[in-house]
Each structure stands twice: as C-alpha cells, then as structure tokens.
Amino acid sequence: MATSSEIRKQFPILERKVYGKNLVYLDNAATAQRPRGVIDTWNRISVESNANIHRAVHLLSSEATDAYEAARDAVRDFLNASDRKEIIFTSGTTASINLVAFCFGEAYVHEGDEIIVSAVEHHSNIVPWQLMCIRKKASLKVIPVDEDGHLMIDALDGLISDRTRIIAVTQISNVLGIVNPVKEIISKAHARGIPVLVDGAQGIVHCNVDVQDLDCDFYAFSGHKLYAATGTGVLYAKKKFLEEMPPYMGGGEMVGTVTFEATSYADIPHKYEAGTQNFASSATLKDAVELCKVLRDKELESEIEQISVYMENELKKIEGLRLYGISREDGKKIPLYSFTVDGVHHEDLALILDKMGIAVRSGQMCAEPVMTRFGVTGMLRASFAPYNTMEEAEYFIKSLKRAIAMLKD
C-alpha cells in the first residue's frame, strides 16, 4: 500500500519552490518528473560505466551493456511482449513512429495505397505518415471525432478499403484524455488483414498494456512520460515486421558484414539500433517500469480517482469554461483536463498560474488538427500523476478562479 505523499518523497524536484511558492507540477502529460532511482542509475552509469555498449570487452563496456540490455528485458516483461527481440530502443515516441512510417512504407506501401489515422492524433502520428504518403504516392484517411472527444468508430468500416495498408491511432489523446477503444480498432483492422500501430505515449502511463492481449502490431512510447530519462523511447513490433522491413538508418552496430559491394544486417533488435545508443538514459527504463508497477496500487488509484471526480466537477462549475474530452459511463478518461475560458487567453492564464507556483501546458499541444476540430487556437491543460495530491488539485482550482477573475477585471 502506498499514498501520494509517500510516493512524492522519491521525486526530489517536488520539494522545489517556484516564485516563493511550493511547486505544483501539473504538466505530466508532457514530461513526468524523475524519481531518485532513475537519477541514481543515470549518474552511476555516467560516472562509473561510461563506455560504448556491445563493442568492447573491457569492464566498463560490459557494465554499460548489461544495464542497457537489462532495461530491454524489463520493458519486454512490462509490455508482455513474446520476445525481447521485439523491443527496439529509440529516442522517443516520435522516433519510433517515424521508424515504422519509413520502414513499413518501404516494405509494403505502393502508389494508390491508403493509411488511416484518427482526428485526435499528436503531430508525431500524422506528419510521419504524410511524409511517407508523399514519398510513396499514397493517401491519408481520418477517423472523425465527436463533440465529446470520442472517436466515431462506426465510421472506420467505411474508411477501410482494399488499399488500406496500416492504421495508426493513439491509445489516449494528449489533449482530450479519452482512452480510445484501440482493441476494437485492432480487431476490425485484423479482420481485414490490416496491421495497427498504437501511439502509446499517454497509454503506457495510464493503462495496463499487454501487447499480446491487445494484439497490436506496433506500440510506441517515450521514456520521459514514464518517469525515465529524456531522449529514450520504445518501439514494440511483431517479429514478422521487424524481419521483413528494411532498416531505418545505416551505420555501426546494425550490420552483419560490410563490403563495398553489399552489406548484410544484424539480427533484430540491433538491425534498428544504428550508432551509439543513449545507453545511460535507456538503462533508466528499468527503474521507471519498476516504479510503474508500484504505482499500480489500489490506494493510489483511489486517490487519483477522487482527484479526477473533484477536478471534473469543479471545472464544470466555472462560468465560461469549456472542458474538452467528456467522460462517459462506457469509457474512461485519464486525469487530464484541457479547457478554454471565454474572454481569456490560455497563455495569459498559464503565465499567471506559473507565478502562483503551478506548472501547466498551454497552446496547441502539438495537436493542431484537434484545435481546428473544436474551433480554438489553443487550450490550457492540467495533467495529474500519482504523486499529485488532492491539496494540489484544490489549490489549482482556487488559483484558476483567481487568475480568471484577474484577467476579466
């Protein structure tokens, strides 16, 4: 059993004061804070075992290699992947999706083919597919979203055609916080022989992800949203695709043999991990996923649920405030709240809240099509983690009301 107050002790930055006030960090959907275990692992490898992995026989290299590969095993276990070779380390969700968009496109997409994404995607799950479509002369189709922020899944049947090659969809919108029915999407796609990529940047934090149960073909996420170091990411992919697709980049480590006439490639996963990897940071993924297991505690989940109920009820009471992403009985919403306030600019609100010690996100949140869909130029977003407390939620609501009043006077 654990409480948010006990968990907070593992995060040194939460003791910081901002403008003389206790830091209230509510920008977790962008980057979560790092616990001491992650910081200690990064420092230990940087100070004691800083050496290129896989390539040398000396002790430092062996230590760094062991830590890097132990993280791969921890991630494989966390995702319940069938084989450690299905875990590719990248620099983040963006790099993971770009890898798939390029490599999958080269292997399977031809002129006239179609790719399906959803209307609530982050730019990182739109632009790579657009680039691939330009390169391969394919086209992009979009699953629409309703006024409450829920994907209109019934439209998917009409979007899928004999030319559909892959569907790429986010598990949870970084703007709306709605948990999308990705398992249903995967089932519909697989019935037509179509693979699915899931953007799990938010989903990996808030859902118990079992890639074998989901049966997704690709799953991408970033370490920095999962309490690990920045510059880290994971791509899970079924072996079939990893073996058939060409590599994304060429260089050291990803080769079998190299001559000026031809090159053979290393076995997976190294085929997709060219160059010197971010080994000190990637090693922290092990500490991060171990923490995540601790955070899946019933008492902590109960605290977050209480905060969620409080936040949604209180935000709806504020005159002129519009909340985007409305929870329903048949679905789930994570503790993430994006909203606008009539007559008040989102960035002005964020700046005033910052002076009150509260860190939130404002703007388009790398999801301009979502903003366009709801007719706004930007939103304010507050996103909670298990180390946030009810006292912080209450302080946020009080401060938000005060900031709105200041801007409307």
Protein backbone atom coordinates (compact mmCIF):
# COMPACT_ATOMS: atom_id res chain seq x y z
CA MET A 1 0.00 0.00 0.00
CA ALA A 2 1.25 3.49 -0.85
CA THR A 3 -0.02 7.07 -0.77
CA SER A 4 0.77 10.02 -2.99
CA SER A 5 2.57 11.67 -0.05
CA GLU A 6 4.89 8.65 0.28
CA ILE A 7 5.47 8.49 -3.47
CA ARG A 8 6.35 12.19 -3.58
CA LYS A 9 9.40 11.56 -1.42
CA GLN A 10 11.01 9.71 -4.34
CA PHE A 11 10.86 12.83 -6.55
CA PRO A 12 13.38 15.48 -5.41
CA ILE A 13 12.06 18.24 -7.70
CA LEU A 14 8.69 18.23 -5.93
CA GLU A 15 10.41 19.84 -2.93
CA ARG A 16 11.28 22.90 -5.02
CA LYS A 17 9.71 26.31 -4.58
CA VAL A 18 8.74 28.46 -7.58
CA TYR A 19 8.45 32.22 -7.04
CA GLY A 20 8.44 31.51 -3.32
CA LYS A 21 5.58 29.03 -3.54
CA ASN A 22 5.56 25.23 -3.39
CA LEU A 23 5.81 23.76 -6.90
CA VAL A 24 2.55 22.24 -8.13
CA TYR A 25 3.56 20.31 -11.22
CA LEU A 26 0.58 19.61 -13.48
CA ASP A 27 2.32 19.19 -16.84
CA ASN A 28 2.81 15.44 -16.51
CA ALA A 29 1.33 14.62 -19.93
CA ALA A 30 4.28 16.47 -21.47
CA THR A 31 7.06 15.20 -19.20
CA ALA A 32 6.77 13.37 -15.89
CA GLN A 33 9.29 14.06 -13.16
CA ARG A 34 12.14 11.66 -12.37
CA PRO A 35 12.43 9.59 -9.20
CA ARG A 36 15.70 9.13 -7.35
CA GLY A 37 16.12 5.60 -8.73
CA VAL A 38 16.21 6.91 -12.30
CA ILE A 39 18.55 9.75 -11.37
CA ASP A 40 20.87 7.40 -9.48
CA THR A 41 21.07 4.91 -12.36
CA TRP A 42 21.88 7.64 -14.90
CA ASN A 43 24.53 9.11 -12.59
CA ARG A 44 26.06 5.72 -11.80
CA ILE A 45 26.48 4.73 -15.44
CA SER A 46 27.71 8.19 -16.43
CA VAL A 47 30.24 8.32 -13.60
CA GLU A 48 31.31 4.68 -13.32
CA SER A 49 30.49 2.84 -16.57
CA ASN A 50 30.62 5.36 -19.40
CA ALA A 51 31.62 3.29 -22.43
CA ASN A 52 30.14 2.22 -25.76
CA ILE A 53 27.89 -0.79 -25.41
CA HIS A 54 28.19 -4.14 -27.19
CA ARG A 55 31.51 -3.35 -28.88
CA ALA A 56 34.33 -3.81 -26.40
CA VAL A 57 35.45 -6.50 -23.98
CA HIS A 58 36.58 -4.22 -21.14
CA LEU A 59 34.68 -3.96 -17.86
CA LEU A 60 33.12 -0.54 -18.37
CA SER A 61 31.61 -1.58 -21.69
CA SER A 62 30.31 -4.81 -20.18
CA GLU A 63 28.65 -2.93 -17.31
CA ALA A 64 27.01 -0.42 -19.62
CA THR A 65 25.88 -3.20 -21.97
CA ASP A 66 24.39 -5.22 -19.12
CA ALA A 67 22.42 -2.22 -17.83
CA TYR A 68 21.13 -1.40 -21.32
CA GLU A 69 20.03 -4.96 -22.06
CA ALA A 70 18.54 -5.39 -18.57
CA ALA A 71 16.30 -2.44 -19.41
CA ARG A 72 15.21 -4.22 -22.60
CA ASP A 73 14.25 -7.29 -20.56
CA ALA A 74 12.35 -5.11 -18.07
CA VAL A 75 10.40 -3.42 -20.87
CA ARG A 76 9.64 -6.76 -22.53
CA ASP A 77 8.22 -8.02 -19.26
CA PHE A 78 6.29 -4.79 -18.64
CA LEU A 79 4.61 -4.98 -22.06
CA ASN A 80 4.31 -8.78 -22.00
CA ALA A 81 5.98 -8.99 -25.40
CA SER A 82 6.65 -12.54 -26.52
CA ASP A 83 10.34 -11.95 -27.29
CA ARG A 84 12.97 -9.42 -26.17
CA LYS A 85 13.92 -9.04 -29.85
CA GLU A 86 10.59 -7.27 -30.38
CA ILE A 87 11.76 -4.34 -28.21
CA ILE A 88 13.59 -1.60 -30.10
CA PHE A 89 15.11 1.34 -28.22
CA THR A 90 14.66 4.77 -29.81
CA SER A 91 14.82 8.40 -28.69
CA GLY A 92 11.07 8.59 -28.06
CA THR A 93 7.59 8.08 -29.47
CA THR A 94 8.33 10.41 -32.38
CA ALA A 95 11.38 8.41 -33.44
CA SER A 96 9.52 5.13 -33.02
CA ILE A 97 6.64 6.21 -35.25
CA ASN A 98 8.98 7.71 -37.84
CA LEU A 99 10.86 4.41 -37.93
CA VAL A 100 7.68 2.47 -38.66
CA ALA A 101 6.34 5.01 -41.16
CA PHE A 102 9.56 4.84 -43.17
CA CYS A 103 10.36 1.15 -42.91
CA PHE A 104 6.78 -0.09 -43.27
CA GLY A 105 6.27 2.26 -46.19
CA GLU A 106 9.35 0.95 -47.96
CA ALA A 107 8.30 -2.65 -47.47
CA TYR A 108 4.54 -2.62 -48.02
CA VAL A 109 3.14 0.66 -49.39
CA HIS A 110 2.72 1.47 -53.09
CA GLU A 111 1.14 4.17 -55.22
CA GLY A 112 -2.60 4.44 -54.59
CA ASP A 113 -2.48 2.76 -51.18
CA GLU A 114 -4.12 4.29 -48.10
CA ILE A 115 -3.16 4.97 -44.48
CA ILE A 116 -5.74 5.63 -41.73
CA VAL A 117 -5.12 7.82 -38.68
CA SER A 118 -7.58 9.48 -36.27
CA ALA A 119 -8.67 13.09 -35.85
CA VAL A 120 -7.16 13.28 -32.35
CA GLU A 121 -3.55 12.42 -33.18
CA HIS A 122 -0.44 14.20 -31.98
CA HIS A 123 1.60 15.66 -34.84
CA SER A 124 4.05 12.79 -34.35
CA ASN A 125 1.39 10.35 -35.54
CA ILE A 126 0.35 12.50 -38.50
CA VAL A 127 3.41 14.06 -40.12
CA PRO A 128 5.50 10.85 -40.50
CA TRP A 129 2.59 9.24 -42.37
CA GLN A 130 2.13 12.32 -44.53
CA LEU A 131 5.81 12.21 -45.46
CA MET A 132 5.50 8.53 -46.30
CA CYS A 133 2.37 9.18 -48.37
CA ILE A 134 4.20 11.84 -50.37
CA ARG A 135 7.14 9.54 -50.94
CA LYS A 136 5.03 6.53 -51.91
CA LYS A 137 2.15 8.42 -53.60
CA ALA A 138 -0.34 7.07 -51.07
CA SER A 139 -3.20 8.91 -49.33
CA LEU A 140 -4.27 9.60 -45.75
CA LYS A 141 -7.75 8.98 -44.31
CA VAL A 142 -9.02 10.17 -40.94
CA ILE A 143 -11.34 8.62 -38.30
CA PRO A 144 -13.56 11.52 -37.12
CA VAL A 145 -14.14 12.58 -33.51
CA ASP A 146 -17.42 13.72 -31.95
CA GLU A 147 -18.12 16.82 -29.83
CA ASP A 148 -17.30 14.98 -26.59
CA GLY A 149 -13.89 13.90 -27.86
CA HIS A 150 -14.74 10.26 -28.57
CA LEU A 151 -13.65 8.62 -31.82
CA MET A 152 -16.52 7.75 -34.15
CA ILE A 153 -15.50 4.11 -34.56
CA ASP A 154 -18.55 3.25 -36.66
CA ALA A 155 -17.01 5.35 -39.44
CA LEU A 156 -13.97 3.06 -39.59
CA ASP A 157 -15.75 0.35 -41.58
CA GLY A 158 -16.43 2.86 -44.33
CA LEU A 159 -12.85 4.16 -44.30
CA ILE A 160 -11.18 0.76 -44.66
CA SER A 161 -10.74 -0.40 -48.23
CA ASP A 162 -8.74 -2.96 -50.17
CA ARG A 163 -5.98 -0.33 -50.43
CA THR A 164 -5.67 0.25 -46.67
CA ARG A 165 -2.17 -0.78 -45.61
CA ILE A 166 -1.97 0.28 -41.94
CA ILE A 167 -3.98 2.09 -39.26
CA ALA A 168 -2.13 4.34 -36.79
CA VAL A 169 -4.08 5.52 -33.75
CA THR A 170 -3.36 6.96 -30.34
CA GLN A 171 -4.38 4.99 -27.28
CA ILE A 172 -5.13 8.21 -25.38
CA SER A 173 -5.29 11.70 -26.83
CA ASN A 174 -2.77 14.05 -25.21
CA VAL A 175 -5.40 16.80 -25.47
CA LEU A 176 -8.68 15.07 -24.63
CA GLY A 177 -7.58 12.37 -22.18
CA ILE A 178 -10.11 9.87 -23.54
CA VAL A 179 -8.99 6.24 -23.62
CA ASN A 180 -9.74 5.19 -27.18
CA PRO A 181 -11.10 1.69 -27.97
CA VAL A 182 -7.87 0.55 -29.60
CA LYS A 183 -8.60 -3.12 -29.03
CA GLU A 184 -11.82 -2.77 -31.03
CA ILE A 185 -9.95 -0.89 -33.77
CA ILE A 186 -7.31 -3.62 -33.91
CA SER A 187 -9.97 -6.31 -34.13
CA LYS A 188 -11.72 -4.52 -37.02
CA ALA A 189 -8.42 -4.00 -38.81
CA HIS A 190 -7.15 -7.54 -38.37
CA ALA A 191 -10.44 -8.90 -39.71
CA ARG A 192 -9.41 -7.22 -42.96
CA GLY A 193 -5.73 -8.24 -42.69
CA ILE A 194 -4.56 -4.72 -41.80
CA PRO A 195 -1.83 -4.10 -39.18
CA VAL A 196 -2.19 -1.41 -36.49
CA LEU A 197 0.28 0.93 -34.83
CA VAL A 198 -0.70 2.26 -31.41
CA ASP A 199 0.76 5.54 -30.17
CA GLY A 200 1.11 4.71 -26.50
CA ALA A 201 2.79 7.91 -25.31
CA GLN A 202 -0.05 8.53 -22.84
CA GLY A 203 -1.44 5.00 -22.76
CA ILE A 204 1.70 3.39 -21.33
CA VAL A 205 1.37 5.64 -18.28
CA HIS A 206 -2.31 5.13 -17.54
CA CYS A 207 -3.21 1.68 -18.93
CA ASN A 208 -2.05 -1.82 -18.10
CA VAL A 209 -0.57 -2.51 -21.52
CA ASP A 210 -0.32 -6.12 -22.65
CA VAL A 211 0.72 -6.09 -26.29
CA GLN A 212 -0.18 -9.75 -26.77
CA ASP A 213 -3.66 -9.17 -25.41
CA LEU A 214 -4.09 -6.00 -27.49
CA ASP A 215 -2.63 -7.88 -30.46
CA CYS A 216 -1.28 -4.59 -31.86
CA ASP A 217 1.43 -4.90 -34.48
CA PHE A 218 3.38 -1.86 -33.31
CA TYR A 219 3.34 0.03 -30.00
CA ALA A 220 5.35 3.21 -29.44
CA PHE A 221 6.06 5.24 -26.30
CA SER A 222 8.52 7.64 -24.69
CA GLY A 223 10.52 7.14 -21.53
CA HIS A 224 10.25 10.72 -20.29
CA LYS A 225 6.48 10.45 -19.81
CA LEU A 226 7.04 7.25 -17.82
CA TYR A 227 9.46 8.73 -15.22
CA ALA A 228 12.59 7.65 -17.15
CA ALA A 229 15.28 9.93 -18.58
CA THR A 230 14.57 12.10 -21.59
CA GLY A 231 15.81 11.02 -25.02
CA THR A 232 14.54 7.48 -24.51
CA GLY A 233 11.77 5.58 -26.23
CA VAL A 234 10.50 2.16 -27.15
CA LEU A 235 9.06 0.58 -30.24
CA TYR A 236 7.43 -2.79 -29.78
CA ALA A 237 6.89 -4.57 -33.08
CA LYS A 238 5.94 -8.10 -34.01
CA LYS A 239 8.95 -10.07 -35.24
CA LYS A 240 7.33 -10.67 -38.62
CA PHE A 241 7.50 -6.98 -39.47
CA LEU A 242 10.93 -6.40 -37.97
CA GLU A 243 12.35 -9.23 -40.03
CA GLU A 244 10.68 -8.16 -43.28
CA MET A 245 11.11 -4.37 -43.12
CA PRO A 246 14.38 -2.69 -44.18
CA PRO A 247 16.38 -0.82 -41.51
CA TYR A 248 15.67 2.84 -40.82
CA MET A 249 19.28 4.02 -40.55
CA GLY A 250 22.63 2.60 -41.53
CA GLY A 251 25.85 2.72 -39.53
CA GLY A 252 27.65 0.90 -36.79
CA GLU A 253 26.06 -1.87 -34.73
CA MET A 254 23.20 -2.60 -37.18
CA VAL A 255 25.33 -4.57 -39.63
CA GLY A 256 26.32 -8.19 -40.13
CA THR A 257 29.09 -7.83 -42.69
CA VAL A 258 30.06 -4.79 -44.74
CA THR A 259 31.83 -4.65 -48.09
CA PHE A 260 31.77 -2.02 -50.82
CA GLU A 261 29.66 -4.38 -52.87
CA ALA A 262 26.97 -5.23 -50.31
CA THR A 263 26.03 -5.17 -46.62
CA SER A 264 24.13 -7.68 -44.52
CA TYR A 265 22.22 -6.59 -41.42
CA ALA A 266 22.46 -7.61 -37.80
CA ASP A 267 19.75 -9.68 -36.19
CA ILE A 268 16.85 -7.82 -34.55
CA PRO A 269 16.68 -5.71 -32.44
CA HIS A 270 20.14 -4.36 -33.36
CA LYS A 271 19.12 -4.04 -37.02
CA TYR A 272 17.13 -0.96 -35.95
CA GLU A 273 19.56 0.50 -33.40
CA ALA A 274 22.28 2.07 -35.55
CA GLY A 275 25.08 4.07 -33.98
CA THR A 276 25.99 4.73 -30.37
CA GLN A 277 22.86 4.40 -28.31
CA ASN A 278 21.79 6.65 -25.45
CA PHE A 279 22.79 3.85 -23.11
CA ALA A 280 22.91 5.70 -19.78
CA SER A 281 19.42 7.11 -20.27
CA SER A 282 17.92 3.95 -21.78
CA ALA A 283 19.09 1.97 -18.74
CA THR A 284 16.75 4.08 -16.59
CA LEU A 285 13.74 2.49 -18.31
CA LYS A 286 14.20 -0.46 -15.96
CA ASP A 287 13.87 1.75 -12.88
CA ALA A 288 10.91 3.53 -14.45
CA VAL A 289 8.87 0.43 -15.21
CA GLU A 290 9.62 -0.97 -11.76
CA LEU A 291 8.22 2.24 -10.27
CA CYS A 292 5.16 1.97 -12.51
CA LYS A 293 4.42 -1.43 -11.05
CA VAL A 294 4.48 0.11 -7.56
CA LEU A 295 2.19 2.94 -8.71
CA ARG A 296 -0.47 0.43 -9.75
CA ASP A 297 -1.58 0.36 -6.16
CA LYS A 298 -5.27 0.35 -5.25
CA GLU A 299 -4.88 3.12 -2.68
CA LEU A 300 -3.04 5.35 -5.16
CA GLU A 301 -5.60 4.61 -7.85
CA SER A 302 -8.36 5.52 -5.39
CA GLU A 303 -6.65 8.85 -4.63
CA ILE A 304 -6.35 9.67 -8.33
CA GLU A 305 -9.99 8.73 -8.89
CA GLN A 306 -11.04 11.12 -6.12
CA ILE A 307 -8.95 13.88 -7.70
CA SER A 308 -10.49 13.12 -11.11
CA VAL A 309 -14.05 13.39 -9.79
CA TYR A 310 -13.21 16.59 -7.95
CA MET A 311 -11.47 18.21 -10.93
CA GLU A 312 -14.20 17.43 -13.44
CA ASN A 313 -16.98 18.61 -11.09
CA GLU A 314 -15.19 21.84 -10.16
CA LEU A 315 -14.15 22.75 -13.70
CA LYS A 316 -17.73 22.33 -14.92
CA LYS A 317 -18.88 24.84 -12.28
CA ILE A 318 -16.68 27.66 -13.58
CA GLU A 319 -18.69 30.08 -15.70
CA GLY A 320 -17.46 30.38 -19.28
CA LEU A 321 -15.14 27.37 -19.03
CA ARG A 322 -15.40 24.69 -21.71
CA LEU A 323 -13.86 21.29 -20.98
CA TYR A 324 -12.73 19.17 -23.93
CA GLY A 325 -12.90 15.39 -23.66
CA ILE A 326 -16.01 14.46 -21.69
CA SER A 327 -16.02 11.18 -19.79
CA ARG A 328 -18.83 8.68 -20.36
CA GLU A 329 -20.06 5.65 -18.48
CA ASP A 330 -18.98 3.37 -21.33
CA GLY A 331 -15.43 4.74 -21.46
CA LYS A 332 -12.54 6.01 -19.40
CA LYS A 333 -10.82 9.37 -19.10
CA ILE A 334 -7.42 9.85 -17.52
CA PRO A 335 -6.76 12.73 -15.06
CA LEU A 336 -6.01 15.20 -17.87
CA TYR A 337 -8.10 18.34 -18.36
CA SER A 338 -7.88 20.62 -21.39
CA PHE A 339 -10.14 23.65 -21.44
CA THR A 340 -10.72 27.19 -22.62
CA VAL A 341 -12.34 30.12 -20.81
CA ASP A 342 -14.47 32.64 -22.65
CA GLY A 343 -12.75 36.01 -23.00
CA VAL A 344 -9.44 34.75 -21.55
CA HIS A 345 -6.36 33.70 -23.50
CA HIS A 346 -4.95 30.33 -22.49
CA GLU A 347 -1.36 31.60 -22.39
CA ASP A 348 -2.25 34.51 -20.11
CA LEU A 349 -3.85 32.02 -17.72
CA ALA A 350 -0.77 29.79 -17.83
CA LEU A 351 1.56 32.71 -17.08
CA ILE A 352 -0.45 33.81 -14.04
CA LEU A 353 -0.72 30.24 -12.75
CA ASP A 354 3.05 29.92 -13.14
CA LYS A 355 3.52 32.90 -10.80
CA MET A 356 1.33 31.02 -8.34
CA GLY A 357 3.71 28.06 -8.48
CA ILE A 358 1.59 25.93 -10.82
CA ALA A 359 3.09 24.40 -13.96
CA VAL A 360 0.55 23.67 -16.71
CA ARG A 361 0.64 23.45 -20.50
CA SER A 362 -0.90 25.98 -22.86
CA GLY A 363 -1.15 26.21 -26.63
CA GLN A 364 -1.86 23.67 -29.37
CA MET A 365 -0.10 20.80 -27.57
CA CYS A 366 1.34 19.51 -30.88
CA ALA A 367 -2.18 18.65 -31.99
CA GLU A 368 -3.30 21.49 -34.28
CA PRO A 369 -5.98 19.41 -36.06
CA VAL A 370 -7.67 18.82 -32.68
CA MET A 371 -7.72 22.57 -32.06
CA THR A 372 -9.19 23.14 -35.50
CA ARG A 373 -11.85 20.48 -34.89
CA PHE A 374 -13.06 22.28 -31.76
CA GLY A 375 -12.71 25.77 -33.21
CA VAL A 376 -9.99 27.12 -30.92
CA THR A 377 -6.41 28.34 -31.35
CA GLY A 378 -5.19 26.71 -28.15
CA MET A 379 -6.18 25.33 -24.77
CA LEU A 380 -4.93 25.14 -21.20
CA ARG A 381 -4.12 21.64 -19.92
CA ALA A 382 -3.64 20.33 -16.39
CA SER A 383 -2.47 16.71 -16.17
CA PHE A 384 -2.02 14.73 -12.97
CA ALA A 385 0.35 11.94 -11.89
CA PRO A 386 0.19 9.61 -8.86
CA TYR A 387 2.47 11.97 -6.92
CA ASN A 388 -0.07 14.78 -7.16
CA THR A 389 -2.37 15.31 -4.19
CA MET A 390 -5.93 16.44 -3.54
CA GLU A 391 -4.49 19.52 -1.82
CA GLU A 392 -2.75 20.43 -5.10
CA ALA A 393 -5.97 19.92 -7.05
CA GLU A 394 -7.84 22.20 -4.64
CA TYR A 395 -5.07 24.82 -4.85
CA PHE A 396 -5.19 24.64 -8.65
CA ILE A 397 -8.97 25.26 -8.78
CA LYS A 398 -8.68 28.13 -6.29
CA SER A 399 -5.79 29.65 -8.25
CA LEU A 400 -7.53 29.17 -11.59
CA LYS A 401 -10.62 31.05 -10.38
CA ARG A 402 -8.40 33.82 -9.07
CA ALA A 403 -6.47 34.04 -12.36
CA ILE A 404 -9.68 34.18 -14.41
CA ALA A 405 -11.02 36.95 -12.20
CA MET A 406 -7.78 38.92 -12.59
CA LEU A 407 -7.91 38.67 -16.38
CA LYS A 408 -11.59 39.57 -16.63
CA ASP A 409 -11.41 42.62 -14.34
